[in-house]
PDB file of all heavy atoms in Angstrom:
ATOM      1  N   ARG A   1    -183.397 -31.279-138.594  1.00  0.00           N
ATOM      2  CA  ARG A   1    -183.103 -30.406-137.465  1.00  0.00           C
ATOM      3  C   ARG A   1    -184.379 -29.899-136.798  1.00  0.00           C
ATOM      4  O   ARG A   1    -185.442 -29.842-137.417  1.00  0.00           O
ATOM      5  CB  ARG A   1    -182.232 -29.232-137.931  1.00  0.00           C
ATOM      6  CG  ARG A   1    -180.782 -29.608-138.163  1.00  0.00           C
ATOM      7  CD  ARG A   1    -179.991 -28.469-138.763  1.00  0.00           C
ATOM      8  NE  ARG A   1    -180.350 -28.251-140.166  1.00  0.00           N
ATOM      9  CZ  ARG A   1    -179.818 -27.298-140.920  1.00  0.00           C
ATOM     10  NH1 ARG A   1    -178.926 -26.468-140.407  1.00  0.00           N
ATOM     11  NH2 ARG A   1    -180.188 -27.168-142.179  1.00  0.00           N
ATOM     12  N   SER A   2    -184.224 -29.499-135.539  1.00  0.00           N
ATOM     13  CA  SER A   2    -185.328 -28.930-134.771  1.00  0.00           C
ATOM     14  C   SER A   2    -185.510 -27.455-135.125  1.00  0.00           C
ATOM     15  O   SER A   2    -184.542 -26.758-135.467  1.00  0.00           O
ATOM     16  CB  SER A   2    -185.042 -29.062-133.276  1.00  0.00           C
ATOM     17  OG  SER A   2    -186.002 -28.373-132.501  1.00  0.00           O
ATOM     18  N   THR A   3    -186.750 -26.967-135.028  1.00  0.00           N
ATOM     19  CA  THR A   3    -186.964 -25.526-135.153  1.00  0.00           C
ATOM     20  C   THR A   3    -186.567 -24.794-133.880  1.00  0.00           C
ATOM     21  O   THR A   3    -186.514 -23.564-133.871  1.00  0.00           O
ATOM     22  CB  THR A   3    -188.438 -25.183-135.450  1.00  0.00           C
ATOM     23  OG1 THR A   3    -189.229 -25.371-134.267  1.00  0.00           O
ATOM     24  CG2 THR A   3    -188.994 -26.010-136.590  1.00  0.00           C
ATOM     25  N   GLU A   4    -186.296 -25.546-132.818  1.00  0.00           N
ATOM     26  CA  GLU A   4    -185.912 -24.977-131.520  1.00  0.00           C
ATOM     27  C   GLU A   4    -186.872 -23.855-131.114  1.00  0.00           C
ATOM     28  O   GLU A   4    -186.507 -22.692-131.005  1.00  0.00           O
ATOM     29  CB  GLU A   4    -184.453 -24.517-131.546  1.00  0.00           C
ATOM     30  CG  GLU A   4    -183.497 -25.684-131.785  1.00  0.00           C
ATOM     31  CD  GLU A   4    -182.045 -25.332-131.631  1.00  0.00           C
ATOM     32  OE1 GLU A   4    -181.727 -24.455-130.800  1.00  0.00           O
ATOM     33  OE2 GLU A   4    -181.209 -25.950-132.334  1.00  0.00           O
ATOM     34  N   ARG A   5    -188.119 -24.288-130.921  1.00  0.00           N
ATOM     35  CA  ARG A   5    -189.210 -23.399-130.509  1.00  0.00           C
ATOM     36  C   ARG A   5    -189.446 -22.278-131.534  1.00  0.00           C
ATOM     37  O   ARG A   5    -189.638 -21.115-131.189  1.00  0.00           O
ATOM     38  CB  ARG A   5    -188.947 -22.819-129.116  1.00  0.00           C
ATOM     39  CG  ARG A   5    -188.897 -23.882-128.028  1.00  0.00           C
ATOM     40  CD  ARG A   5    -188.714 -23.273-126.659  1.00  0.00           C
ATOM     41  NE  ARG A   5    -188.679 -24.293-125.628  1.00  0.00           N
ATOM     42  CZ  ARG A   5    -189.752 -24.798-125.028  1.00  0.00           C
ATOM     43  NH1 ARG A   5    -190.954 -24.374-125.361  1.00  0.00           N
ATOM     44  NH2 ARG A   5    -189.618 -25.716-124.091  1.00  0.00           N
ATOM     45  N   LEU A   6    -189.401 -22.667-132.801  1.00  0.00           N
ATOM     46  CA  LEU A   6    -189.704 -21.800-133.951  1.00  0.00           C
ATOM     47  C   LEU A   6    -188.601 -20.796-134.259  1.00  0.00           C
ATOM     48  O   LEU A   6    -188.748 -20.002-135.194  1.00  0.00           O
ATOM     49  CB  LEU A   6    -191.028 -21.045-133.760  1.00  0.00           C
ATOM     50  CG  LEU A   6    -192.272 -21.900-133.470  1.00  0.00           C
ATOM     51  CD1 LEU A   6    -193.496 -20.990-133.331  1.00  0.00           C
ATOM     52  CD2 LEU A   6    -192.502 -22.944-134.550  1.00  0.00           C
ATOM     53  N   THR A   7    -187.486 -20.837-133.546  1.00  0.00           N
ATOM     54  CA  THR A   7    -186.421 -19.869-133.794  1.00  0.00           C
ATOM     55  C   THR A   7    -185.551 -20.266-134.985  1.00  0.00           C
ATOM     56  O   THR A   7    -184.786 -19.441-135.499  1.00  0.00           O
ATOM     57  CB  THR A   7    -185.526 -19.701-132.557  1.00  0.00           C
ATOM     58  OG1 THR A   7    -184.911 -20.961-132.245  1.00  0.00           O
ATOM     59  CG2 THR A   7    -186.336 -19.210-131.361  1.00  0.00           C
ATOM     60  N   LYS A   8    -185.663 -21.524-135.430  1.00  0.00           N
ATOM     61  CA  LYS A   8    -184.860 -21.992-136.558  1.00  0.00           C
ATOM     62  C   LYS A   8    -185.749 -22.691-137.588  1.00  0.00           C
ATOM     63  O   LYS A   8    -185.434 -23.782-138.076  1.00  0.00           O
ATOM     64  CB  LYS A   8    -183.747 -22.914-136.064  1.00  0.00           C
ATOM     65  CG  LYS A   8    -182.738 -22.205-135.170  1.00  0.00           C
ATOM     66  CD  LYS A   8    -181.586 -23.098-134.771  1.00  0.00           C
ATOM     67  CE  LYS A   8    -180.568 -22.334-133.922  1.00  0.00           C
ATOM     68  NZ  LYS A   8    -179.420 -23.195-133.536  1.00  0.00           N
ATOM     69  N   LEU A   9    -186.844 -22.039-137.906  1.00  0.00           N
ATOM     70  CA  LEU A   9    -187.795 -22.608-138.862  1.00  0.00           C
ATOM     71  C   LEU A   9    -187.137 -22.898-140.205  1.00  0.00           C
ATOM     72  O   LEU A   9    -187.381 -23.942-140.820  1.00  0.00           O
ATOM     73  CB  LEU A   9    -188.969 -21.647-139.056  1.00  0.00           C
ATOM     74  CG  LEU A   9    -190.074 -21.698-137.996  1.00  0.00           C
ATOM     75  CD1 LEU A   9    -190.953 -20.459-138.103  1.00  0.00           C
ATOM     76  CD2 LEU A   9    -190.908 -22.961-138.149  1.00  0.00           C
ATOM     77  N   TYR A  10    -186.288 -21.982-140.669  1.00  0.00           N
ATOM     78  CA  TYR A  10    -185.706 -22.165-141.996  1.00  0.00           C
ATOM     79  C   TYR A  10    -184.684 -23.300-142.031  1.00  0.00           C
ATOM     80  O   TYR A  10    -184.503 -23.936-143.076  1.00  0.00           O
ATOM     81  CB  TYR A  10    -185.092 -20.860-142.493  1.00  0.00           C
ATOM     82  CG  TYR A  10    -186.138 -19.884-142.965  1.00  0.00           C
ATOM     83  CD1 TYR A  10    -186.559 -18.846-142.159  1.00  0.00           C
ATOM     84  CD2 TYR A  10    -186.741 -20.034-144.213  1.00  0.00           C
ATOM     85  CE1 TYR A  10    -187.533 -17.954-142.579  1.00  0.00           C
ATOM     86  CE2 TYR A  10    -187.715 -19.151-144.648  1.00  0.00           C
ATOM     87  CZ  TYR A  10    -188.105 -18.107-143.826  1.00  0.00           C
ATOM     88  OH  TYR A  10    -189.076 -17.241-144.248  1.00  0.00           O
ATOM     89  N   ASP A  11    -184.040 -23.572-140.915  1.00  0.00           N
ATOM     90  CA  ASP A  11    -183.127 -24.715-140.869  1.00  0.00           C
ATOM     91  C   ASP A  11    -183.911 -26.015-141.063  1.00  0.00           C
ATOM     92  O   ASP A  11    -183.561 -26.855-141.905  1.00  0.00           O
ATOM     93  CB  ASP A  11    -182.382 -24.765-139.536  1.00  0.00           C
ATOM     94  CG  ASP A  11    -181.290 -23.716-139.432  1.00  0.00           C
ATOM     95  OD1 ASP A  11    -181.006 -23.049-140.444  1.00  0.00           O
ATOM     96  OD2 ASP A  11    -180.729 -23.559-138.328  1.00  0.00           O
ATOM     97  N   ALA A  12    -184.953 -26.189-140.271  1.00  0.00           N
ATOM     98  CA  ALA A  12    -185.752 -27.411-140.360  1.00  0.00           C
ATOM     99  C   ALA A  12    -186.459 -27.518-141.705  1.00  0.00           C
ATOM    100  O   ALA A  12    -186.490 -28.589-142.325  1.00  0.00           O
ATOM    101  CB  ALA A  12    -186.766 -27.454-139.221  1.00  0.00           C
ATOM    102  N   ALA A  13    -187.019 -26.406-142.170  1.00  0.00           N
ATOM    103  CA  ALA A  13    -187.707 -26.420-143.461  1.00  0.00           C
ATOM    104  C   ALA A  13    -186.727 -26.707-144.592  1.00  0.00           C
ATOM    105  O   ALA A  13    -187.061 -27.409-145.556  1.00  0.00           O
ATOM    106  CB  ALA A  13    -188.407 -25.087-143.693  1.00  0.00           C
ATOM    107  N   GLY A  14    -185.508 -26.177-144.475  1.00  0.00           N
ATOM    108  CA  GLY A  14    -184.496 -26.454-145.482  1.00  0.00           C
ATOM    109  C   GLY A  14    -184.144 -27.928-145.549  1.00  0.00           C
ATOM    110  O   GLY A  14    -183.888 -28.473-146.633  1.00  0.00           O
ATOM    111  N   ASP A  15    -184.161 -28.599-144.398  1.00  0.00           N
ATOM    112  CA  ASP A  15    -183.913 -30.039-144.394  1.00  0.00           C
ATOM    113  C   ASP A  15    -185.020 -30.785-145.129  1.00  0.00           C
ATOM    114  O   ASP A  15    -184.752 -31.719-145.896  1.00  0.00           O
ATOM    115  CB  ASP A  15    -183.805 -30.556-142.956  1.00  0.00           C
ATOM    116  CG  ASP A  15    -182.570 -30.049-142.234  1.00  0.00           C
ATOM    117  OD1 ASP A  15    -181.652 -29.522-142.911  1.00  0.00           O
ATOM    118  OD2 ASP A  15    -182.533 -30.153-140.998  1.00  0.00           O
ATOM    119  N   VAL A  16    -186.261 -30.399-144.889  1.00  0.00           N
ATOM    120  CA  VAL A  16    -187.381 -31.048-145.577  1.00  0.00           C
ATOM    121  C   VAL A  16    -187.284 -30.798-147.087  1.00  0.00           C
ATOM    122  O   VAL A  16    -187.454 -31.711-147.900  1.00  0.00           O
ATOM    123  CB  VAL A  16    -188.730 -30.558-145.023  1.00  0.00           C
ATOM    124  CG1 VAL A  16    -189.890 -31.202-145.787  1.00  0.00           C
ATOM    125  CG2 VAL A  16    -188.843 -30.864-143.534  1.00  0.00           C
ATOM    126  N   ARG A  17    -186.991 -29.555-147.454  1.00  0.00           N
ATOM    127  CA  ARG A  17    -186.823 -29.228-148.879  1.00  0.00           C
ATOM    128  C   ARG A  17    -185.696 -30.056-149.496  1.00  0.00           C
ATOM    129  O   ARG A  17    -185.842 -30.631-150.589  1.00  0.00           O
ATOM    130  CB  ARG A  17    -186.503 -27.743-149.016  1.00  0.00           C
ATOM    131  CG  ARG A  17    -186.235 -27.274-150.457  1.00  0.00           C
ATOM    132  CD  ARG A  17    -185.452 -25.981-150.445  1.00  0.00           C
ATOM    133  NE  ARG A  17    -184.160 -26.142-149.787  1.00  0.00           N
ATOM    134  CZ  ARG A  17    -183.578 -25.213-149.026  1.00  0.00           C
ATOM    135  NH1 ARG A  17    -184.161 -24.042-148.821  1.00  0.00           N
ATOM    136  NH2 ARG A  17    -182.397 -25.448-148.470  1.00  0.00           N
ATOM    137  N   ASP A  18    -184.556 -30.147-148.802  1.00  0.00           N
ATOM    138  CA  ASP A  18    -183.412 -30.881-149.339  1.00  0.00           C
ATOM    139  C   ASP A  18    -183.699 -32.383-149.408  1.00  0.00           C
ATOM    140  O   ASP A  18    -183.223 -33.076-150.323  1.00  0.00           O
ATOM    141  CB  ASP A  18    -182.169 -30.621-148.496  1.00  0.00           C
ATOM    142  CG  ASP A  18    -181.686 -29.179-148.620  1.00  0.00           C
ATOM    143  OD1 ASP A  18    -182.102 -28.482-149.568  1.00  0.00           O
ATOM    144  OD2 ASP A  18    -180.892 -28.746-147.750  1.00  0.00           O
ATOM    145  N   LEU A  19    -184.459 -32.884-148.436  1.00  0.00           N
ATOM    146  CA  LEU A  19    -184.870 -34.291-148.474  1.00  0.00           C
ATOM    147  C   LEU A  19    -185.701 -34.557-149.725  1.00  0.00           C
ATOM    148  O   LEU A  19    -185.464 -35.539-150.452  1.00  0.00           O
ATOM    149  CB  LEU A  19    -185.649 -34.633-147.202  1.00  0.00           C
ATOM    150  CG  LEU A  19    -186.238 -36.035-146.990  1.00  0.00           C
ATOM    151  CD1 LEU A  19    -187.522 -36.270-147.726  1.00  0.00           C
ATOM    152  CD2 LEU A  19    -185.221 -37.115-147.265  1.00  0.00           C
ATOM    153  N   ILE A  20    -186.663 -33.691-150.002  1.00  0.00           N
ATOM    154  CA  ILE A  20    -187.503 -33.871-151.194  1.00  0.00           C
ATOM    155  C   ILE A  20    -186.650 -33.810-152.453  1.00  0.00           C
ATOM    156  O   ILE A  20    -186.801 -34.644-153.369  1.00  0.00           O
ATOM    157  CB  ILE A  20    -188.610 -32.806-151.229  1.00  0.00           C
ATOM    158  CG1 ILE A  20    -189.598 -33.028-150.074  1.00  0.00           C
ATOM    159  CG2 ILE A  20    -189.354 -32.839-152.566  1.00  0.00           C
ATOM    160  CD1 ILE A  20    -190.599 -31.910-149.900  1.00  0.00           C
ATOM    161  N   GLU A  21    -185.743 -32.859-152.528  1.00  0.00           N
ATOM    162  CA  GLU A  21    -184.884 -32.741-153.706  1.00  0.00           C
ATOM    163  C   GLU A  21    -184.009 -33.984-153.872  1.00  0.00           C
ATOM    164  O   GLU A  21    -183.811 -34.474-154.992  1.00  0.00           O
ATOM    165  CB  GLU A  21    -184.018 -31.482-153.596  1.00  0.00           C
ATOM    166  CG  GLU A  21    -184.822 -30.190-153.733  1.00  0.00           C
ATOM    167  CD  GLU A  21    -183.961 -28.945-153.611  1.00  0.00           C
ATOM    168  OE1 GLU A  21    -182.736 -29.081-153.341  1.00  0.00           O
ATOM    169  OE2 GLU A  21    -184.503 -27.834-153.785  1.00  0.00           O
ATOM    170  N   TYR A  22    -183.501 -34.515-152.758  1.00  0.00           N
ATOM    171  CA  TYR A  22    -182.680 -35.719-152.827  1.00  0.00           C
ATOM    172  C   TYR A  22    -183.508 -36.905-153.318  1.00  0.00           C
ATOM    173  O   TYR A  22    -183.074 -37.668-154.197  1.00  0.00           O
ATOM    174  CB  TYR A  22    -182.080 -36.030-151.454  1.00  0.00           C
ATOM    175  CG  TYR A  22    -181.198 -37.261-151.464  1.00  0.00           C
ATOM    176  CD1 TYR A  22    -179.833 -37.139-151.707  1.00  0.00           C
ATOM    177  CD2 TYR A  22    -181.733 -38.525-151.250  1.00  0.00           C
ATOM    178  CE1 TYR A  22    -179.019 -38.268-151.740  1.00  0.00           C
ATOM    179  CE2 TYR A  22    -180.935 -39.654-151.289  1.00  0.00           C
ATOM    180  CZ  TYR A  22    -179.576 -39.530-151.535  1.00  0.00           C
ATOM    181  OH  TYR A  22    -178.784 -40.648-151.578  1.00  0.00           O
ATOM    182  N   VAL A  23    -184.703 -37.073-152.758  1.00  0.00           N
ATOM    183  CA  VAL A  23    -185.565 -38.186-153.152  1.00  0.00           C
ATOM    184  C   VAL A  23    -185.894 -38.106-154.640  1.00  0.00           C
ATOM    185  O   VAL A  23    -185.838 -39.109-155.368  1.00  0.00           O
ATOM    186  CB  VAL A  23    -186.848 -38.193-152.298  1.00  0.00           C
ATOM    187  CG1 VAL A  23    -187.909 -39.110-152.906  1.00  0.00           C
ATOM    188  CG2 VAL A  23    -186.529 -38.632-150.868  1.00  0.00           C
ATOM    189  N   ARG A  24    -186.219 -36.928-155.130  1.00  0.00           N
ATOM    190  CA  ARG A  24    -186.576 -36.790-156.539  1.00  0.00           C
ATOM    191  C   ARG A  24    -185.359 -36.984-157.448  1.00  0.00           C
ATOM    192  O   ARG A  24    -185.457 -37.601-158.509  1.00  0.00           O
ATOM    193  CB  ARG A  24    -187.232 -35.440-156.793  1.00  0.00           C
ATOM    194  CG  ARG A  24    -188.525 -35.250-155.987  1.00  0.00           C
ATOM    195  CD  ARG A  24    -189.312 -34.036-156.465  1.00  0.00           C
ATOM    196  NE  ARG A  24    -189.983 -34.331-157.716  1.00  0.00           N
ATOM    197  CZ  ARG A  24    -189.985 -33.543-158.785  1.00  0.00           C
ATOM    198  NH1 ARG A  24    -189.309 -32.400-158.771  1.00  0.00           N
ATOM    199  NH2 ARG A  24    -190.633 -33.884-159.873  1.00  0.00           N
ATOM    200  N   ALA A  25    -184.207 -36.473-157.037  1.00  0.00           N
ATOM    201  CA  ALA A  25    -183.004 -36.610-157.857  1.00  0.00           C
ATOM    202  C   ALA A  25    -182.486 -38.043-157.890  1.00  0.00           C
ATOM    203  O   ALA A  25    -181.832 -38.452-158.859  1.00  0.00           O
ATOM    204  CB  ALA A  25    -181.913 -35.679-157.339  1.00  0.00           C
ATOM    205  N   ASN A  26    -182.768 -38.814-156.831  1.00  0.00           N
ATOM    206  CA  ASN A  26    -182.277 -40.191-156.729  1.00  0.00           C
ATOM    207  C   ASN A  26    -183.428 -41.198-156.731  1.00  0.00           C
ATOM    208  O   ASN A  26    -183.294 -42.303-156.190  1.00  0.00           O
ATOM    209  CB  ASN A  26    -181.450 -40.344-155.450  1.00  0.00           C
ATOM    210  CG  ASN A  26    -180.216 -39.472-155.452  1.00  0.00           C
ATOM    211  OD1 ASN A  26    -179.182 -39.842-155.988  1.00  0.00           O
ATOM    212  ND2 ASN A  26    -180.321 -38.288-154.868  1.00  0.00           N
ATOM    213  N   ALA A  27    -184.529 -40.821-157.364  1.00  0.00           N
ATOM    214  CA  ALA A  27    -185.742 -41.628-157.303  1.00  0.00           C
ATOM    215  C   ALA A  27    -185.523 -43.042-157.834  1.00  0.00           C
ATOM    216  O   ALA A  27    -186.009 -44.018-157.245  1.00  0.00           O
ATOM    217  CB  ALA A  27    -186.866 -40.937-158.077  1.00  0.00           C
ATOM    218  N   GLY A  28    -184.800 -43.181-158.937  1.00  0.00           N
ATOM    219  CA  GLY A  28    -184.586 -44.507-159.505  1.00  0.00           C
ATOM    220  C   GLY A  28    -183.843 -45.423-158.558  1.00  0.00           C
ATOM    221  O   GLY A  28    -184.246 -46.573-158.338  1.00  0.00           O
ATOM    222  N   GLU A  29    -182.772 -44.906-157.980  1.00  0.00           N
ATOM    223  CA  GLU A  29    -181.983 -45.707-157.036  1.00  0.00           C
ATOM    224  C   GLU A  29    -182.779 -46.063-155.793  1.00  0.00           C
ATOM    225  O   GLU A  29    -182.615 -47.145-155.209  1.00  0.00           O
ATOM    226  CB  GLU A  29    -180.730 -44.926-156.643  1.00  0.00           C
ATOM    227  CG  GLU A  29    -179.827 -45.651-155.674  1.00  0.00           C
ATOM    228  CD  GLU A  29    -178.643 -44.801-155.228  1.00  0.00           C
ATOM    229  OE1 GLU A  29    -178.415 -43.735-155.831  1.00  0.00           O
ATOM    230  OE2 GLU A  29    -177.965 -45.206-154.267  1.00  0.00           O
ATOM    231  N   LEU A  30    -183.664 -45.166-155.372  1.00  0.00           N
ATOM    232  CA  LEU A  30    -184.455 -45.394-154.154  1.00  0.00           C
ATOM    233  C   LEU A  30    -185.720 -46.212-154.418  1.00  0.00           C
ATOM    234  O   LEU A  30    -186.423 -46.567-153.467  1.00  0.00           O
ATOM    235  CB  LEU A  30    -184.839 -44.044-153.537  1.00  0.00           C
ATOM    236  CG  LEU A  30    -183.687 -43.171-153.045  1.00  0.00           C
ATOM    237  CD1 LEU A  30    -184.204 -41.801-152.609  1.00  0.00           C
ATOM    238  CD2 LEU A  30    -182.925 -43.842-151.906  1.00  0.00           C
ATOM    239  N   GLY A  31    -186.040 -46.479-155.672  1.00  0.00           N
ATOM    240  CA  GLY A  31    -187.254 -47.225-155.987  1.00  0.00           C
ATOM    241  C   GLY A  31    -188.515 -46.410-155.768  1.00  0.00           C
ATOM    242  O   GLY A  31    -189.543 -46.936-155.324  1.00  0.00           O
ATOM    243  N   ILE A  32    -188.433 -45.119-156.105  1.00  0.00           N
ATOM    244  CA  ILE A  32    -189.531 -44.185-155.854  1.00  0.00           C
ATOM    245  C   ILE A  32    -189.911 -43.478-157.145  1.00  0.00           C
ATOM    246  O   ILE A  32    -189.051 -43.166-157.977  1.00  0.00           O
ATOM    247  CB  ILE A  32    -189.101 -43.167-154.777  1.00  0.00           C
ATOM    248  CG1 ILE A  32    -189.115 -43.819-153.388  1.00  0.00           C
ATOM    249  CG2 ILE A  32    -189.976 -41.913-154.783  1.00  0.00           C
ATOM    250  CD1 ILE A  32    -188.526 -42.959-152.298  1.00  0.00           C
ATOM    251  N   ASP A  33    -191.189 -43.220-157.311  1.00  0.00           N
ATOM    252  CA  ASP A  33    -191.681 -42.364-158.385  1.00  0.00           C
ATOM    253  C   ASP A  33    -191.653 -40.931-157.857  1.00  0.00           C
ATOM    254  O   ASP A  33    -192.516 -40.537-157.067  1.00  0.00           O
ATOM    255  CB  ASP A  33    -193.098 -42.776-158.787  1.00  0.00           C
ATOM    256  CG  ASP A  33    -193.661 -41.944-159.929  1.00  0.00           C
ATOM    257  OD1 ASP A  33    -193.101 -40.865-160.219  1.00  0.00           O
ATOM    258  OD2 ASP A  33    -194.671 -42.352-160.522  1.00  0.00           O
ATOM    259  N   GLY A  34    -190.672 -40.149-158.274  1.00  0.00           N
ATOM    260  CA  GLY A  34    -190.493 -38.808-157.740  1.00  0.00           C
ATOM    261  C   GLY A  34    -191.573 -37.824-158.113  1.00  0.00           C
ATOM    262  O   GLY A  34    -191.628 -36.722-157.566  1.00  0.00           O
ATOM    263  N   ASP A  35    -192.458 -38.213-159.028  1.00  0.00           N
ATOM    264  CA  ASP A  35    -193.562 -37.337-159.417  1.00  0.00           C
ATOM    265  C   ASP A  35    -194.865 -37.679-158.697  1.00  0.00           C
ATOM    266  O   ASP A  35    -195.900 -37.080-158.988  1.00  0.00           O
ATOM    267  CB  ASP A  35    -193.786 -37.408-160.934  1.00  0.00           C
ATOM    268  CG  ASP A  35    -192.656 -36.768-161.710  1.00  0.00           C
ATOM    269  OD1 ASP A  35    -192.078 -35.786-161.197  1.00  0.00           O
ATOM    270  OD2 ASP A  35    -192.336 -37.249-162.814  1.00  0.00           O
ATOM    271  N   ARG A  36    -194.788 -38.638-157.764  1.00  0.00           N
ATOM    272  CA  ARG A  36    -195.982 -39.006-156.995  1.00  0.00           C
ATOM    273  C   ARG A  36    -195.590 -39.134-155.524  1.00  0.00           C
ATOM    274  O   ARG A  36    -195.238 -40.205-155.052  1.00  0.00           O
ATOM    275  CB  ARG A  36    -196.599 -40.304-157.524  1.00  0.00           C
ATOM    276  CG  ARG A  36    -197.240 -40.165-158.890  1.00  0.00           C
ATOM    277  CD  ARG A  36    -198.070 -41.384-159.247  1.00  0.00           C
ATOM    278  NE  ARG A  36    -197.227 -42.548-159.497  1.00  0.00           N
ATOM    279  CZ  ARG A  36    -197.699 -43.792-159.626  1.00  0.00           C
ATOM    280  NH1 ARG A  36    -198.997 -44.034-159.460  1.00  0.00           N
ATOM    281  NH2 ARG A  36    -196.873 -44.795-159.874  1.00  0.00           N
ATOM    282  N   LEU A  37    -195.666 -37.996-154.832  1.00  0.00           N
ATOM    283  CA  LEU A  37    -195.283 -37.953-153.426  1.00  0.00           C
ATOM    284  C   LEU A  37    -196.444 -37.472-152.570  1.00  0.00           C
ATOM    285  O   LEU A  37    -197.282 -36.691-153.014  1.00  0.00           O
ATOM    286  CB  LEU A  37    -194.095 -37.006-153.225  1.00  0.00           C
ATOM    287  CG  LEU A  37    -192.828 -37.272-154.032  1.00  0.00           C
ATOM    288  CD1 LEU A  37    -191.767 -36.232-153.692  1.00  0.00           C
ATOM    289  CD2 LEU A  37    -192.300 -38.678-153.793  1.00  0.00           C
ATOM    290  N   CYS A  38    -196.457 -37.945-151.333  1.00  0.00           N
ATOM    291  CA  CYS A  38    -197.383 -37.460-150.311  1.00  0.00           C
ATOM    292  C   CYS A  38    -196.545 -36.940-149.148  1.00  0.00           C
ATOM    293  O   CYS A  38    -195.566 -37.573-148.745  1.00  0.00           O
ATOM    294  CB  CYS A  38    -198.295 -38.586-149.823  1.00  0.00           C
ATOM    295  SG  CYS A  38    -199.278 -38.181-148.345  1.00  0.00           S
TER     296      CYS A  38
END
């Protein structure tokens, strides 16, 4: 989601946080080492 000129920072940041949590929780299926991220 967009921050919509910084008025929804937590919405966008929450998406990034949830993306990271999803990647780490599903790392095996995604072919990713969840402990080595950039």
